[in-house]
Amino acid sequence: MPRSPRCRTRRARIVIDPRQRALWLSQSKTPGPVRARLLCFPHAGGGVAPFYRWSSWLPPDIQLSPVKLPGREDRLREPAVDELPRLVESIGEAIDPCLDGPFAVVGHSMGALLAFELARRWRRLDRRMPVCLFLAACPAPQLPPKLESIHRLPESEFLRMLQDRYQGIPQEIASNKELMHLLLPTLRADFRLVETYEYHQEPPLDCPILALAGDDDRHVTPAEVSAWREQTTGGFSLRILTGGHFFVHQTPGSVVQILARHLDGLLGQGATR
């Protein structure tokens, strides 16, 4: 999601017990050998459930691996992490030992920032790099933020601005006060994470980037998504799809088929569905 003016904050990193890795990484079953893993990161306030539908369109040898973040779904009782560097470090420490073969990363909105900063972390640590980054509905990080911060607003105003900007909360959820009370801390933490994100200049990545934009996204333009080309020397592609900010989940078949074809081309000849 778009970022607002930045502020500087520092906290101690989170150390993840290796026995807790299953809390972070979900994995689909594959009928045979795994050719590559597809890590998936959600938008602000989102979880991994929408990604499970993707298996229907992925090649059978691609293992779908949504990353489960604190503060949602079966981790709802855990506090969400509200600083991007701390969350990136936590994710990396939890899942790095699992990345022992080819993998790609898809990030939607906030998830795109997580994917990008994880890739830069892997490069700094001289770890295996992704075959490709698939980044959707997110302005390139070097662009100046254009929207005002909302994460500090009172509850009613915060939720109103959230709906006005993104129409991201279904009415049946928005009208459920108890459920919204449970979800609000995670929503606020995620928006704080995005709105306080600080971009630091580093050399472009050498892994390819495929950027995706919605033609009816009211707050993230194709031009802002296209600017991701500055962040890679490994090849860049832009695809504009029908839909708003949540086109990734509105037309999942179209999105996943694009990703699968692109990934298949990078991995070489293999099974496709």
Foldseek 3Di string as FASTA:
>chain_A
DFAADADDDDDDADADDQVCLVVWKDKDDAPDAAQEEEEEAEAQLDACVLVVVLCVFAFRNYIYIYTGFACDDVNVVGFGAQALVRRLVHNCNSCVVVHPHAYEYEYAALGLVSLLVNQVVCVVVVHDHHLEYEYELYFAPVDHGDDHQQLPPPDVVSVVVVCVQAVPDDPVQVVDVVNCVSSSSRNSSSSSNRHNDDDDDDQAAAHEYEYEYEPAAPRRHQVRRQVCVRRYPNYYHYDYHHDYSVVCSVCVNVVSNVVNVVVCVSSDHDGGD
